Amino acid sequence: ALYFPRVVMLDRGRIIADGPPAEVLTDERLAEVYGIAVTRARH
């Protein structure tokens, strides 16, 4: 998120999301992919 303007999130070889970090790394999507509760702050 800190260094790359574009992030492609994969889960078991499938593309889950593709775009800017703030749009890809959402709480809901991270919980779906990793199966854990997460929280986000912002720089």
Full PDB file with SEQRES, HELIX, SHEET, SSBOND, CRYST1, ORIGX, SCALE, CONECT and MASTER records, all heavy atoms in Angstrom:
SEQRES   1 A   43  ALA LEU TYR PHE PRO ARG VAL VAL MET LEU ASP ARG GLY          
SEQRES   2 A   43  ARG ILE ILE ALA ASP GLY PRO PRO ALA GLU VAL LEU THR          
SEQRES   3 A   43  ASP GLU ARG LEU ALA GLU VAL TYR GLY ILE ALA VAL THR          
SEQRES   4 A   43  ARG ALA ARG HIS                                              
HELIX    1 AA1 PRO A   21  VAL A   24  1                                   4    
HELIX    2 AA2 ASP A   27  TYR A   34  1                                   8    
SHEET    1 AA1 2 VAL A   7  ASP A  11  0                                        
SHEET    2 AA1 2 ARG A  14  GLY A  19 -1                                        
CRYST1    1.000    1.000    1.000  90.00  90.00  90.00 P 1           1          
ORIGX1      1.000000  0.000000  0.000000        0.00000                         
ORIGX2      0.000000  1.000000  0.000000        0.00000                         
ORIGX3      0.000000  0.000000  1.000000        0.00000                         
SCALE1      1.000000  0.000000  0.000000        0.00000                         
SCALE2      0.000000  1.000000  0.000000        0.00000                         
SCALE3      0.000000  0.000000  1.000000        0.00000                         
ATOM      1  N   ALA A   1       0.823  -1.207   0.000  1.00  0.00           N  
ATOM      2  CA  ALA A   1       0.000   0.000   0.000  1.00  0.00           C  
ATOM      3  C   ALA A   1       0.858   1.259   0.000  1.00  0.00           C  
ATOM      4  O   ALA A   1       0.506   2.267  -0.621  1.00  0.00           O  
ATOM      5  CB  ALA A   1      -0.921   0.003   1.216  1.00  0.00           C  
ATOM      6  N   LEU A   2       1.998   1.203   0.677  1.00  0.00           N  
ATOM      7  CA  LEU A   2       2.845   2.381   0.833  1.00  0.00           C  
ATOM      8  C   LEU A   2       3.595   2.736  -0.443  1.00  0.00           C  
ATOM      9  O   LEU A   2       3.783   3.913  -0.753  1.00  0.00           O  
ATOM     10  CB  LEU A   2       3.836   2.145   1.978  1.00  0.00           C  
ATOM     11  CG  LEU A   2       4.693   3.331   2.426  1.00  0.00           C  
ATOM     12  CD1 LEU A   2       3.819   4.478   2.922  1.00  0.00           C  
ATOM     13  CD2 LEU A   2       5.670   2.883   3.514  1.00  0.00           C  
ATOM     14  N   TYR A   3       4.003   1.700  -1.210  1.00  0.00           N  
ATOM     15  CA  TYR A   3       4.913   1.952  -2.316  1.00  0.00           C  
ATOM     16  C   TYR A   3       4.312   1.775  -3.708  1.00  0.00           C  
ATOM     17  O   TYR A   3       4.906   2.245  -4.680  1.00  0.00           O  
ATOM     18  CB  TYR A   3       6.137   1.043  -2.196  1.00  0.00           C  
ATOM     19  CG  TYR A   3       7.143   1.539  -1.189  1.00  0.00           C  
ATOM     20  CD1 TYR A   3       7.173   1.028   0.103  1.00  0.00           C  
ATOM     21  CD2 TYR A   3       8.064   2.524  -1.525  1.00  0.00           C  
ATOM     22  CE1 TYR A   3       8.094   1.495   1.034  1.00  0.00           C  
ATOM     23  CE2 TYR A   3       8.986   2.990  -0.607  1.00  0.00           C  
ATOM     24  CZ  TYR A   3       9.001   2.473   0.669  1.00  0.00           C  
ATOM     25  OH  TYR A   3       9.902   2.942   1.585  1.00  0.00           O  
ATOM     26  N   PHE A   4       3.184   1.095  -3.833  1.00  0.00           N  
ATOM     27  CA  PHE A   4       2.713   0.761  -5.172  1.00  0.00           C  
ATOM     28  C   PHE A   4       1.366   1.410  -5.456  1.00  0.00           C  
ATOM     29  O   PHE A   4       0.424   1.265  -4.677  1.00  0.00           O  
ATOM     30  CB  PHE A   4       2.622  -0.755  -5.338  1.00  0.00           C  
ATOM     31  CG  PHE A   4       3.976  -1.412  -5.308  1.00  0.00           C  
ATOM     32  CD1 PHE A   4       4.510  -1.890  -4.123  1.00  0.00           C  
ATOM     33  CD2 PHE A   4       4.730  -1.507  -6.464  1.00  0.00           C  
ATOM     34  CE1 PHE A   4       5.765  -2.453  -4.082  1.00  0.00           C  
ATOM     35  CE2 PHE A   4       5.996  -2.078  -6.440  1.00  0.00           C  
ATOM     36  CZ  PHE A   4       6.515  -2.560  -5.245  1.00  0.00           C  
ATOM     37  N   PRO A   5       1.252   2.107  -6.597  1.00  0.00           N  
ATOM     38  CA  PRO A   5      -0.015   2.755  -6.939  1.00  0.00           C  
ATOM     39  C   PRO A   5      -1.087   1.779  -7.406  1.00  0.00           C  
ATOM     40  O   PRO A   5      -2.261   2.117  -7.433  1.00  0.00           O  
ATOM     41  CB  PRO A   5       0.380   3.709  -8.076  1.00  0.00           C  
ATOM     42  CG  PRO A   5       1.572   3.062  -8.714  1.00  0.00           C  
ATOM     43  CD  PRO A   5       2.304   2.395  -7.589  1.00  0.00           C  
ATOM     44  N   ARG A   6      -0.658   0.566  -7.768  1.00  0.00           N  
ATOM     45  CA  ARG A   6      -1.617  -0.439  -8.240  1.00  0.00           C  
ATOM     46  C   ARG A   6      -1.373  -1.743  -7.503  1.00  0.00           C  
ATOM     47  O   ARG A   6      -0.244  -2.226  -7.427  1.00  0.00           O  
ATOM     48  CB  ARG A   6      -1.484  -0.655  -9.741  1.00  0.00           C  
ATOM     49  CG  ARG A   6      -2.409  -1.733 -10.299  1.00  0.00           C  
ATOM     50  CD  ARG A   6      -2.178  -1.935 -11.790  1.00  0.00           C  
ATOM     51  NE  ARG A   6      -3.002  -3.012 -12.322  1.00  0.00           N  
ATOM     52  CZ  ARG A   6      -2.918  -3.456 -13.574  1.00  0.00           C  
ATOM     53  NH1 ARG A   6      -2.058  -2.896 -14.423  1.00  0.00           N  
ATOM     54  NH2 ARG A   6      -3.697  -4.441 -13.982  1.00  0.00           N  
ATOM     55  N   VAL A   7      -2.419  -2.311  -6.947  1.00  0.00           N  
ATOM     56  CA  VAL A   7      -2.350  -3.568  -6.211  1.00  0.00           C  
ATOM     57  C   VAL A   7      -3.315  -4.562  -6.835  1.00  0.00           C  
ATOM     58  O   VAL A   7      -4.482  -4.227  -7.095  1.00  0.00           O  
ATOM     59  CB  VAL A   7      -2.707  -3.366  -4.722  1.00  0.00           C  
ATOM     60  CG1 VAL A   7      -2.786  -4.708  -3.993  1.00  0.00           C  
ATOM     61  CG2 VAL A   7      -1.682  -2.464  -4.040  1.00  0.00           C  
ATOM     62  N   VAL A   8      -2.829  -5.770  -7.099  1.00  0.00           N  
ATOM     63  CA  VAL A   8      -3.671  -6.857  -7.591  1.00  0.00           C  
ATOM     64  C   VAL A   8      -3.749  -7.902  -6.479  1.00  0.00           C  
ATOM     65  O   VAL A   8      -2.742  -8.502  -6.114  1.00  0.00           O  
ATOM     66  CB  VAL A   8      -3.102  -7.490  -8.876  1.00  0.00           C  
ATOM     67  CG1 VAL A   8      -4.002  -8.622  -9.351  1.00  0.00           C  
ATOM     68  CG2 VAL A   8      -2.940  -6.440  -9.967  1.00  0.00           C  
ATOM     69  N   MET A   9      -4.929  -8.107  -5.921  1.00  0.00           N  
ATOM     70  CA  MET A   9      -5.112  -9.066  -4.839  1.00  0.00           C  
ATOM     71  C   MET A   9      -5.555 -10.412  -5.408  1.00  0.00           C  
ATOM     72  O   MET A   9      -6.521 -10.484  -6.181  1.00  0.00           O  
ATOM     73  CB  MET A   9      -6.148  -8.562  -3.828  1.00  0.00           C  
ATOM     74  CG  MET A   9      -6.418  -9.539  -2.695  1.00  0.00           C  
ATOM     75  SD  MET A   9      -7.605  -8.900  -1.476  1.00  0.00           S  
ATOM     76  CE  MET A   9      -6.553  -7.758  -0.585  1.00  0.00           C  
ATOM     77  N   LEU A  10      -4.826 -11.465  -5.020  1.00  0.00           N  
ATOM     78  CA  LEU A  10      -5.141 -12.813  -5.481  1.00  0.00           C  
ATOM     79  C   LEU A  10      -5.611 -13.674  -4.316  1.00  0.00           C  
ATOM     80  O   LEU A  10      -5.163 -13.510  -3.183  1.00  0.00           O  
ATOM     81  CB  LEU A  10      -3.905 -13.462  -6.118  1.00  0.00           C  
ATOM     82  CG  LEU A  10      -3.266 -12.750  -7.314  1.00  0.00           C  
ATOM     83  CD1 LEU A  10      -2.017 -13.501  -7.758  1.00  0.00           C  
ATOM     84  CD2 LEU A  10      -4.254 -12.642  -8.460  1.00  0.00           C  
ATOM     85  N   ASP A  11      -6.464 -14.612  -4.611  1.00  0.00           N  
ATOM     86  CA  ASP A  11      -6.891 -15.609  -3.632  1.00  0.00           C  
ATOM     87  C   ASP A  11      -7.039 -16.941  -4.364  1.00  0.00           C  
ATOM     88  O   ASP A  11      -7.888 -17.080  -5.242  1.00  0.00           O  
ATOM     89  CB  ASP A  11      -8.224 -15.204  -2.996  1.00  0.00           C  
ATOM     90  CG  ASP A  11      -8.649 -16.174  -1.898  1.00  0.00           C  
ATOM     91  OD1 ASP A  11      -7.774 -16.904  -1.378  1.00  0.00           O  
ATOM     92  OD2 ASP A  11      -9.854 -16.215  -1.566  1.00  0.00           O  
ATOM     93  N   ARG A  12      -6.135 -17.891  -4.034  1.00  0.00           N  
ATOM     94  CA  ARG A  12      -6.125 -19.202  -4.683  1.00  0.00           C  
ATOM     95  C   ARG A  12      -6.029 -19.080  -6.207  1.00  0.00           C  
ATOM     96  O   ARG A  12      -6.698 -19.779  -6.964  1.00  0.00           O  
ATOM     97  CB  ARG A  12      -7.363 -20.008  -4.292  1.00  0.00           C  
ATOM     98  CG  ARG A  12      -7.461 -20.302  -2.799  1.00  0.00           C  
ATOM     99  CD  ARG A  12      -8.733 -21.072  -2.471  1.00  0.00           C  
ATOM    100  NE  ARG A  12      -8.841 -21.382  -1.065  1.00  0.00           N  
ATOM    101  CZ  ARG A  12      -9.361 -20.559  -0.156  1.00  0.00           C  
ATOM    102  NH1 ARG A  12      -9.828 -19.379  -0.547  1.00  0.00           N  
ATOM    103  NH2 ARG A  12      -9.416 -20.907   1.121  1.00  0.00           N  
ATOM    104  N   GLY A  13      -5.194 -18.145  -6.647  1.00  0.00           N  
ATOM    105  CA  GLY A  13      -4.968 -17.986  -8.075  1.00  0.00           C  
ATOM    106  C   GLY A  13      -5.985 -17.134  -8.797  1.00  0.00           C  
ATOM    107  O   GLY A  13      -5.837 -16.874  -9.992  1.00  0.00           O  
ATOM    108  N   ARG A  14      -7.011 -16.687  -8.100  1.00  0.00           N  
ATOM    109  CA  ARG A  14      -8.037 -15.846  -8.725  1.00  0.00           C  
ATOM    110  C   ARG A  14      -7.778 -14.378  -8.386  1.00  0.00           C  
ATOM    111  O   ARG A  14      -7.399 -14.048  -7.272  1.00  0.00           O  
ATOM    112  CB  ARG A  14      -9.436 -16.232  -8.242  1.00  0.00           C  
ATOM    113  CG  ARG A  14      -9.872 -17.638  -8.620  1.00  0.00           C  
ATOM    114  CD  ARG A  14     -11.285 -17.903  -8.138  1.00  0.00           C  
ATOM    115  NE  ARG A  14     -11.394 -17.812  -6.688  1.00  0.00           N  
ATOM    116  CZ  ARG A  14     -12.076 -16.871  -6.046  1.00  0.00           C  
ATOM    117  NH1 ARG A  14     -12.728 -15.924  -6.727  1.00  0.00           N  
ATOM    118  NH2 ARG A  14     -12.133 -16.875  -4.722  1.00  0.00           N  
ATOM    119  N   ILE A  15      -8.024 -13.495  -9.339  1.00  0.00           N  
ATOM    120  CA  ILE A  15      -7.925 -12.060  -9.082  1.00  0.00           C  
ATOM    121  C   ILE A  15      -9.181 -11.609  -8.367  1.00  0.00           C  
ATOM    122  O   ILE A  15     -10.292 -11.721  -8.879  1.00  0.00           O  
ATOM    123  CB  ILE A  15      -7.744 -11.270 -10.394  1.00  0.00           C  
ATOM    124  CG1 ILE A  15      -6.412 -11.630 -11.052  1.00  0.00           C  
ATOM    125  CG2 ILE A  15      -7.808  -9.769 -10.112  1.00  0.00           C  
ATOM    126  CD1 ILE A  15      -6.184 -10.927 -12.381  1.00  0.00           C  
ATOM    127  N   ILE A  16      -9.004 -11.120  -7.132  1.00  0.00           N  
ATOM    128  CA  ILE A  16     -10.124 -10.652  -6.328  1.00  0.00           C  
ATOM    129  C   ILE A  16     -10.391  -9.177  -6.562  1.00  0.00           C  
ATOM    130  O   ILE A  16     -11.534  -8.726  -6.608  1.00  0.00           O  
ATOM    131  CB  ILE A  16      -9.851 -10.913  -4.837  1.00  0.00           C  
ATOM    132  CG1 ILE A  16      -9.626 -12.406  -4.595  1.00  0.00           C  
ATOM    133  CG2 ILE A  16     -10.994 -10.399  -3.971  1.00  0.00           C  
ATOM    134  CD1 ILE A  16     -10.793 -13.277  -4.980  1.00  0.00           C  
ATOM    135  N   ALA A  17      -9.314  -8.415  -6.697  1.00  0.00           N  
ATOM    136  CA  ALA A  17      -9.462  -6.978  -6.904  1.00  0.00           C  
ATOM    137  C   ALA A  17      -8.208  -6.444  -7.564  1.00  0.00           C  
ATOM    138  O   ALA A  17      -7.124  -6.999  -7.415  1.00  0.00           O  
ATOM    139  CB  ALA A  17      -9.724  -6.260  -5.579  1.00  0.00           C  
ATOM    140  N   ASP A  18      -8.346  -5.335  -8.279  1.00  0.00           N  
ATOM    141  CA  ASP A  18      -7.234  -4.735  -9.009  1.00  0.00           C  
ATOM    142  C   ASP A  18      -7.466  -3.229  -9.044  1.00  0.00           C  
ATOM    143  O   ASP A  18      -8.484  -2.773  -9.573  1.00  0.00           O  
ATOM    144  CB  ASP A  18      -7.173  -5.317 -10.426  1.00  0.00           C  
ATOM    145  CG  ASP A  18      -6.052  -4.720 -11.267  1.00  0.00           C  
ATOM    146  OD1 ASP A  18      -5.352  -3.806 -10.799  1.00  0.00           O  
ATOM    147  OD2 ASP A  18      -5.890  -5.169 -12.420  1.00  0.00           O  
ATOM    148  N   GLY A  19      -6.543  -2.465  -8.451  1.00  0.00           N  
ATOM    149  CA  GLY A  19      -6.708  -1.021  -8.470  1.00  0.00           C  
ATOM    150  C   GLY A  19      -5.826  -0.342  -7.449  1.00  0.00           C  
ATOM    151  O   GLY A  19      -4.883  -0.941  -6.911  1.00  0.00           O  
ATOM    152  N   PRO A  20      -6.105   0.903  -7.123  1.00  0.00           N  
ATOM    153  CA  PRO A  20      -5.330   1.631  -6.115  1.00  0.00           C  
ATOM    154  C   PRO A  20      -5.459   0.960  -4.749  1.00  0.00           C  
ATOM    155  O   PRO A  20      -6.495   0.337  -4.442  1.00  0.00           O  
ATOM    156  CB  PRO A  20      -5.975   3.018  -6.105  1.00  0.00           C  
ATOM    157  CG  PRO A  20      -6.667   3.133  -7.422  1.00  0.00           C  
ATOM    158  CD  PRO A  20      -7.127   1.744  -7.761  1.00  0.00           C  
ATOM    159  N   PRO A  21      -4.431   1.044  -3.888  1.00  0.00           N  
ATOM    160  CA  PRO A  21      -4.472   0.362  -2.588  1.00  0.00           C  
ATOM    161  C   PRO A  21      -5.705   0.687  -1.754  1.00  0.00           C  
ATOM    162  O   PRO A  21      -6.301  -0.213  -1.149  1.00  0.00           O  
ATOM    163  CB  PRO A  21      -3.191   0.860  -1.896  1.00  0.00           C  
ATOM    164  CG  PRO A  21      -2.278   1.205  -3.011  1.00  0.00           C  
ATOM    165  CD  PRO A  21      -3.145   1.722  -4.114  1.00  0.00           C  
ATOM    166  N   ALA A  22      -6.106   1.943  -1.712  1.00  0.00           N  
ATOM    167  CA  ALA A  22      -7.246   2.326  -0.879  1.00  0.00           C  
ATOM    168  C   ALA A  22      -8.539   1.665  -1.339  1.00  0.00           C  
ATOM    169  O   ALA A  22      -9.448   1.436  -0.534  1.00  0.00           O  
ATOM    170  CB  ALA A  22      -7.404   3.848  -0.877  1.00  0.00           C  
ATOM    171  N   GLU A  23      -8.639   1.346  -2.636  1.00  0.00           N  
ATOM    172  CA  GLU A  23      -9.849   0.706  -3.152  1.00  0.00           C  
ATOM    173  C   GLU A  23      -9.787  -0.804  -3.047  1.00  0.00           C  
ATOM    174  O   GLU A  23     -10.828  -1.466  -2.912  1.00  0.00           O  
ATOM    175  CB  GLU A  23     -10.049   1.104  -4.617  1.00  0.00           C  
ATOM    176  CG  GLU A  23     -10.293   2.591  -4.826  1.00  0.00           C  
ATOM    177  CD  GLU A  23     -10.462   2.949  -6.294  1.00  0.00           C  
ATOM    178  OE1 GLU A  23     -10.549   2.008  -7.117  1.00  0.00           O  
ATOM    179  OE2 GLU A  23     -10.487   4.144  -6.615  1.00  0.00           O  
ATOM    180  N   VAL A  24      -8.589  -1.379  -3.090  1.00  0.00           N  
ATOM    181  CA  VAL A  24      -8.436  -2.835  -3.043  1.00  0.00           C  
ATOM    182  C   VAL A  24      -8.416  -3.347  -1.613  1.00  0.00           C  
ATOM    183  O   VAL A  24      -9.066  -4.346  -1.282  1.00  0.00           O  
ATOM    184  CB  VAL A  24      -7.147  -3.257  -3.781  1.00  0.00           C  
ATOM    185  CG1 VAL A  24      -6.851  -4.741  -3.553  1.00  0.00           C  
ATOM    186  CG2 VAL A  24      -7.269  -2.958  -5.271  1.00  0.00           C  
ATOM    187  N   LEU A  25      -7.695  -2.673  -0.729  1.00  0.00           N  
ATOM    188  CA  LEU A  25      -7.464  -3.178   0.624  1.00  0.00           C  
ATOM    189  C   LEU A  25      -8.527  -2.658   1.591  1.00  0.00           C  
ATOM    190  O   LEU A  25      -8.236  -1.953   2.562  1.00  0.00           O  
ATOM    191  CB  LEU A  25      -6.055  -2.770   1.089  1.00  0.00           C  
ATOM    192  CG  LEU A  25      -4.905  -3.245   0.180  1.00  0.00           C  
ATOM    193  CD1 LEU A  25      -3.573  -2.694   0.660  1.00  0.00           C  
ATOM    194  CD2 LEU A  25      -4.865  -4.773   0.118  1.00  0.00           C  
ATOM    195  N   THR A  26      -9.763  -3.012   1.340  1.00  0.00           N  
ATOM    196  CA  THR A  26     -10.854  -2.623   2.225  1.00  0.00           C  
ATOM    197  C   THR A  26     -11.007  -3.633   3.357  1.00  0.00           C  
ATOM    198  O   THR A  26     -10.570  -4.783   3.254  1.00  0.00           O  
ATOM    199  CB  THR A  26     -12.173  -2.541   1.450  1.00  0.00           C  
ATOM    200  OG1 THR A  26     -12.500  -3.863   0.968  1.00  0.00           O  
ATOM    201  CG2 THR A  26     -12.053  -1.591   0.265  1.00  0.00           C  
ATOM    202  N   ASP A  27     -11.628  -3.212   4.455  1.00  0.00           N  
ATOM    203  CA  ASP A  27     -11.840  -4.107   5.598  1.00  0.00           C  
ATOM    204  C   ASP A  27     -12.602  -5.357   5.169  1.00  0.00           C  
ATOM    205  O   ASP A  27     -12.247  -6.481   5.536  1.00  0.00           O  
ATOM    206  CB  ASP A  27     -12.630  -3.391   6.699  1.00  0.00           C  
ATOM    207  CG  ASP A  27     -11.855  -2.252   7.327  1.00  0.00           C  
ATOM    208  OD1 ASP A  27     -10.667  -2.075   6.959  1.00  0.00           O  
ATOM    209  OD2 ASP A  27     -12.421  -1.530   8.169  1.00  0.00           O  
ATOM    210  N   GLU A  28     -13.655  -5.170   4.393  1.00  0.00           N  
ATOM    211  CA  GLU A  28     -14.499  -6.295   4.008  1.00  0.00           C  
ATOM    212  C   GLU A  28     -13.740  -7.286   3.125  1.00  0.00           C  
ATOM    213  O   GLU A  28     -13.835  -8.504   3.306  1.00  0.00           O  
ATOM    214  CB  GLU A  28     -15.739  -5.783   3.276  1.00  0.00           C  
ATOM    215  CG  GLU A  28     -16.670  -4.915   4.108  1.00  0.00           C  
ATOM    216  CD  GLU A  28     -16.161  -3.491   4.287  1.00  0.00           C  
ATOM    217  OE1 GLU A  28     -15.165  -3.119   3.614  1.00  0.00           O  
ATOM    218  OE2 GLU A  28     -16.749  -2.763   5.104  1.00  0.00           O  
ATOM    219  N   ARG A  29     -12.965  -6.769   2.176  1.00  0.00           N  
ATOM    220  CA  ARG A  29     -12.246  -7.651   1.263  1.00  0.00           C  
ATOM    221  C   ARG A  29     -11.122  -8.389   1.989  1.00  0.00           C  
ATOM    222  O   ARG A  29     -10.890  -9.581   1.741  1.00  0.00           O  
ATOM    223  CB  ARG A  29     -11.695  -6.848   0.086  1.00  0.00           C  
ATOM    224  CG  ARG A  29     -11.131  -7.735  -1.017  1.00  0.00           C  
ATOM    225  CD  ARG A  29     -10.831  -6.928  -2.248  1.00  0.00           C  
ATOM    226  NE  ARG A  29     -12.038  -6.511  -2.947  1.00  0.00           N  
ATOM    227  CZ  ARG A  29     -12.364  -5.241  -3.209  1.00  0.00           C  
ATOM    228  NH1 ARG A  29     -11.578  -4.267  -2.824  1.00  0.00           N  
ATOM    229  NH2 ARG A  29     -13.474  -4.963  -3.851  1.00  0.00           N  
ATOM    230  N   LEU A  30     -10.431  -7.718   2.886  1.00  0.00           N  
ATOM    231  CA  LEU A  30      -9.369  -8.370   3.644  1.00  0.00           C  
ATOM    232  C   LEU A  30      -9.942  -9.463   4.543  1.00  0.00           C  
ATOM    233  O   LEU A  30      -9.364 -10.541   4.677  1.00  0.00           O  
ATOM    234  CB  LEU A  30      -8.611  -7.334   4.484  1.00  0.00           C  
ATOM    235  CG  LEU A  30      -7.766  -6.339   3.685  1.00  0.00           C  
ATOM    236  CD1 LEU A  30      -7.301  -5.197   4.579  1.00  0.00           C  
ATOM    237  CD2 LEU A  30      -6.588  -7.025   3.046  1.00  0.00           C  
ATOM    238  N   ALA A  31     -11.076  -9.198   5.143  1.00  0.00           N  
ATOM    239  CA  ALA A  31     -11.707 -10.218   5.970  1.00  0.00           C  
ATOM    240  C   ALA A  31     -12.133 -11.414   5.135  1.00  0.00           C  
ATOM    241  O   ALA A  31     -12.006 -12.566   5.556  1.00  0.00           O  
ATOM    242  CB  ALA A  31     -12.913  -9.617   6.699  1.00  0.00           C  
ATOM    243  N   GLU A  32     -12.623 -11.145   3.921  1.00  0.00           N  
ATOM    244  CA  GLU A  32     -13.063 -12.225   3.036  1.00  0.00           C  
ATOM    245  C   GLU A  32     -11.886 -13.100   2.604  1.00  0.00           C  
ATOM    246  O   GLU A  32     -11.975 -14.337   2.604  1.00  0.00           O  
ATOM    247  CB  GLU A  32     -13.726 -11.623   1.799  1.00  0.00           C  
ATOM    248  CG  GLU A  32     -14.074 -12.636   0.713  1.00  0.00           C  
ATOM    249  CD  GLU A  32     -14.499 -11.978  -0.583  1.00  0.00           C  
ATOM    250  OE1 GLU A  32     -14.668 -10.749  -0.603  1.00  0.00           O  
ATOM    251  OE2 GLU A  32     -14.641 -12.700  -1.586  1.00  0.00           O  
ATOM    252  N   VAL A  33     -10.768 -12.476   2.236  1.00  0.00           N  
ATOM    253  CA  VAL A  33      -9.626 -13.218   1.703  1.00  0.00           C  
ATOM    254  C   VAL A  33      -8.843 -13.917   2.800  1.00  0.00           C  
ATOM    255  O   VAL A  33      -8.450 -15.087   2.657  1.00  0.00           O  
ATOM    256  CB  VAL A  33      -8.704 -12.276   0.903  1.00  0.00           C  
ATOM    257  CG1 VAL A  33      -7.408 -12.983   0.518  1.00  0.00           C  
ATOM    258  CG2 VAL A  33      -9.424 -11.774  -0.344  1.00  0.00           C  
ATOM    259  N   TYR A  34      -8.616 -13.229   3.921  1.00  0.00           N  
ATOM    260  CA  TYR A  34      -7.750 -13.782   4.962  1.00  0.00           C  
ATOM    261  C   TYR A  34      -8.519 -14.479   6.082  1.00  0.00           C  
ATOM    262  O   TYR A  34      -7.925 -15.186   6.898  1.00  0.00           O  
ATOM    263  CB  TYR A  34      -6.860 -12.680   5.549  1.00  0.00           C  
ATOM    264  CG  TYR A  34      -5.833 -12.186   4.565  1.00  0.00           C  
ATOM    265  CD1 TYR A  34      -6.069 -11.035   3.806  1.00  0.00           C  
ATOM    266  CD2 TYR A  34      -4.648 -12.881   4.356  1.00  0.00           C  
ATOM    267  CE1 TYR A  34      -5.140 -10.584   2.887  1.00  0.00           C  
ATOM    268  CE2 TYR A  34      -3.716 -12.434   3.437  1.00  0.00           C  
ATOM    269  CZ  TYR A  34      -3.966 -11.290   2.704  1.00  0.00           C  
ATOM    270  OH  TYR A  34      -3.040 -10.856   1.790  1.00  0.00           O  
ATOM    271  N   GLY A  35      -9.816 -14.258   6.147  1.00  0.00           N  
ATOM    272  CA  GLY A  35     -10.609 -14.938   7.152  1.00  0.00           C  
ATOM    273  C   GLY A  35     -10.389 -14.448   8.561  1.00  0.00           C  
ATOM    274  O   GLY A  35     -10.614 -15.182   9.525  1.00  0.00           O  
ATOM    275  N   ILE A  36      -9.912 -13.216   8.730  1.00  0.00           N  
ATOM    276  CA  ILE A  36      -9.700 -12.648  10.062  1.00  0.00           C  
ATOM    277  C   ILE A  36     -10.246 -11.235  10.092  1.00  0.00           C  
ATOM    278  O   ILE A  36     -10.427 -10.597   9.053  1.00  0.00           O  
ATOM    279  CB  ILE A  36      -8.204 -12.618  10.438  1.00  0.00           C  
ATOM    280  CG1 ILE A  36      -7.404 -11.815   9.405  1.00  0.00           C  
ATOM    281  CG2 ILE A  36      -7.648 -14.027  10.562  1.00  0.00           C  
ATOM    282  CD1 ILE A  36      -5.954 -11.612   9.766  1.00  0.00           C  
ATOM    283  N   ALA A  37     -10.513 -10.765  11.284  1.00  0.00           N  
ATOM    284  CA  ALA A  37     -10.958  -9.384  11.433  1.00  0.00           C  
ATOM    285  C   ALA A  37      -9.749  -8.464  11.339  1.00  0.00           C  
ATOM    286  O   ALA A  37      -8.695  -8.743  11.902  1.00  0.00           O  
ATOM    287  CB  ALA A  37     -11.659  -9.201  12.774  1.00  0.00           C  
ATOM    288  N   VAL A  38      -9.882  -7.390  10.598  1.00  0.00           N  
ATOM    289  CA  VAL A  38      -8.793  -6.430  10.436  1.00  0.00           C  
ATOM    290  C   VAL A  38      -9.320  -5.033  10.707  1.00  0.00           C  
ATOM    291  O   VAL A  38     -10.534  -4.788  10.708  1.00  0.00           O  
ATOM    292  CB  VAL A  38      -8.197  -6.480   9.009  1.00  0.00           C  
ATOM    293  CG1 VAL A  38      -7.590  -7.849   8.734  1.00  0.00           C  
ATOM    294  CG2 VAL A  38      -9.249  -6.134   7.967  1.00  0.00           C  
ATOM    295  N   THR A  39      -8.396  -4.140  10.952  1.00  0.00           N  
ATOM    296  CA  THR A  39      -8.755  -2.737  11.087  1.00  0.00           C  
ATOM    297  C   THR A  39      -7.773  -1.919  10.294  1.00  0.00           C  
ATOM    298  O   THR A  39      -6.631  -2.332  10.083  1.00  0.00           O  
ATOM    299  CB  THR A  39      -8.744  -2.290  12.561  1.00  0.00           C  
ATOM    300  OG1 THR A  39      -9.230  -0.944  12.660  1.00  0.00           O  
ATOM    301  CG2 THR A  39      -7.336  -2.366  13.151  1.00  0.00           C  
ATOM    302  N   ARG A  40      -8.217  -0.784   9.803  1.00  0.00           N  
ATOM    303  CA  ARG A  40      -7.355   0.061   8.984  1.00  0.00           C  
ATOM    304  C   ARG A  40      -7.234   1.438   9.603  1.00  0.00           C  
ATOM    305  O   ARG A  40      -8.179   1.997  10.154  1.00  0.00           O  
ATOM    306  CB  ARG A  40      -7.914   0.213   7.568  1.00  0.00           C  
ATOM    307  CG  ARG A  40      -7.838  -1.023   6.713  1.00  0.00           C  
ATOM    308  CD  ARG A  40      -8.165  -0.680   5.271  1.00  0.00           C  
ATOM    309  NE  ARG A  40      -9.401   0.103   5.163  1.00  0.00           N  
ATOM    310  CZ  ARG A  40      -9.758   0.801   4.089  1.00  0.00           C  
ATOM    311  NH1 ARG A  40      -8.976   0.833   3.031  1.00  0.00           N  
ATOM    312  NH2 ARG A  40     -10.900   1.458   4.055  1.00  0.00           N  
ATOM    313  N   ALA A  41      -6.020   1.977   9.525  1.00  0.00           N  
ATOM    314  CA  ALA A  41      -5.780   3.381   9.822  1.00  0.00           C  
ATOM    315  C   ALA A  41      -5.275   4.009   8.537  1.00  0.00           C  
ATOM    316  O   ALA A  41      -5.200   3.346   7.500  1.00  0.00           O  
ATOM    317  CB  ALA A  41      -4.768   3.521  10.950  1.00  0.00           C  
ATOM    318  N   ARG A  42      -4.905   5.273   8.599  1.00  0.00           N  
ATOM    319  CA  ARG A  42      -4.397   5.929   7.400  1.00  0.00           C  
ATOM    320  C   ARG A  42      -3.154   6.751   7.729  1.00  0.00           C  
ATOM    321  O   ARG A  42      -3.094   7.401   8.772  1.00  0.00           O  
ATOM    322  CB  ARG A  42      -5.464   6.846   6.772  1.00  0.00           C  
ATOM    323  CG  ARG A  42      -6.599   6.074   6.122  1.00  0.00           C  
ATOM    324  CD  ARG A  42      -7.493   6.994   5.314  1.00  0.00           C  
ATOM    325  NE  ARG A  42      -8.574   6.249   4.686  1.00  0.00           N  
ATOM    326  CZ  ARG A  42      -8.468   5.642   3.505  1.00  0.00           C  
ATOM    327  NH1 ARG A  42      -7.331   5.715   2.841  1.00  0.00           N  
ATOM    328  NH2 ARG A  42      -9.483   4.991   2.998  1.00  0.00           N  
ATOM    329  N   HIS A  43      -2.175   6.669   6.827  1.00  0.00           N  
ATOM    330  CA  HIS A  43      -1.027   7.556   6.919  1.00  0.00           C  
ATOM    331  C   HIS A  43      -1.491   8.977   6.594  1.00  0.00           C  
ATOM    332  O   HIS A  43      -2.580   9.175   6.050  1.00  0.00           O  
ATOM    333  CB  HIS A  43       0.060   7.118   5.928  1.00  0.00           C  
ATOM    334  CG  HIS A  43       0.693   5.805   6.272  1.00  0.00           C  
ATOM    335  ND1 HIS A  43       1.657   5.676   7.240  1.00  0.00           N  
ATOM    336  CD2 HIS A  43       0.499   4.564   5.768  1.00  0.00           C  
ATOM    337  CE1 HIS A  43       2.038   4.412   7.326  1.00  0.00           C  
ATOM    338  NE2 HIS A  43       1.353   3.719   6.447  1.00  0.00           N  
TER     339      HIS A  43                                                      
MASTER        0    0    0    2    2    0    0    6  338    1    0    4          
END                                                                             
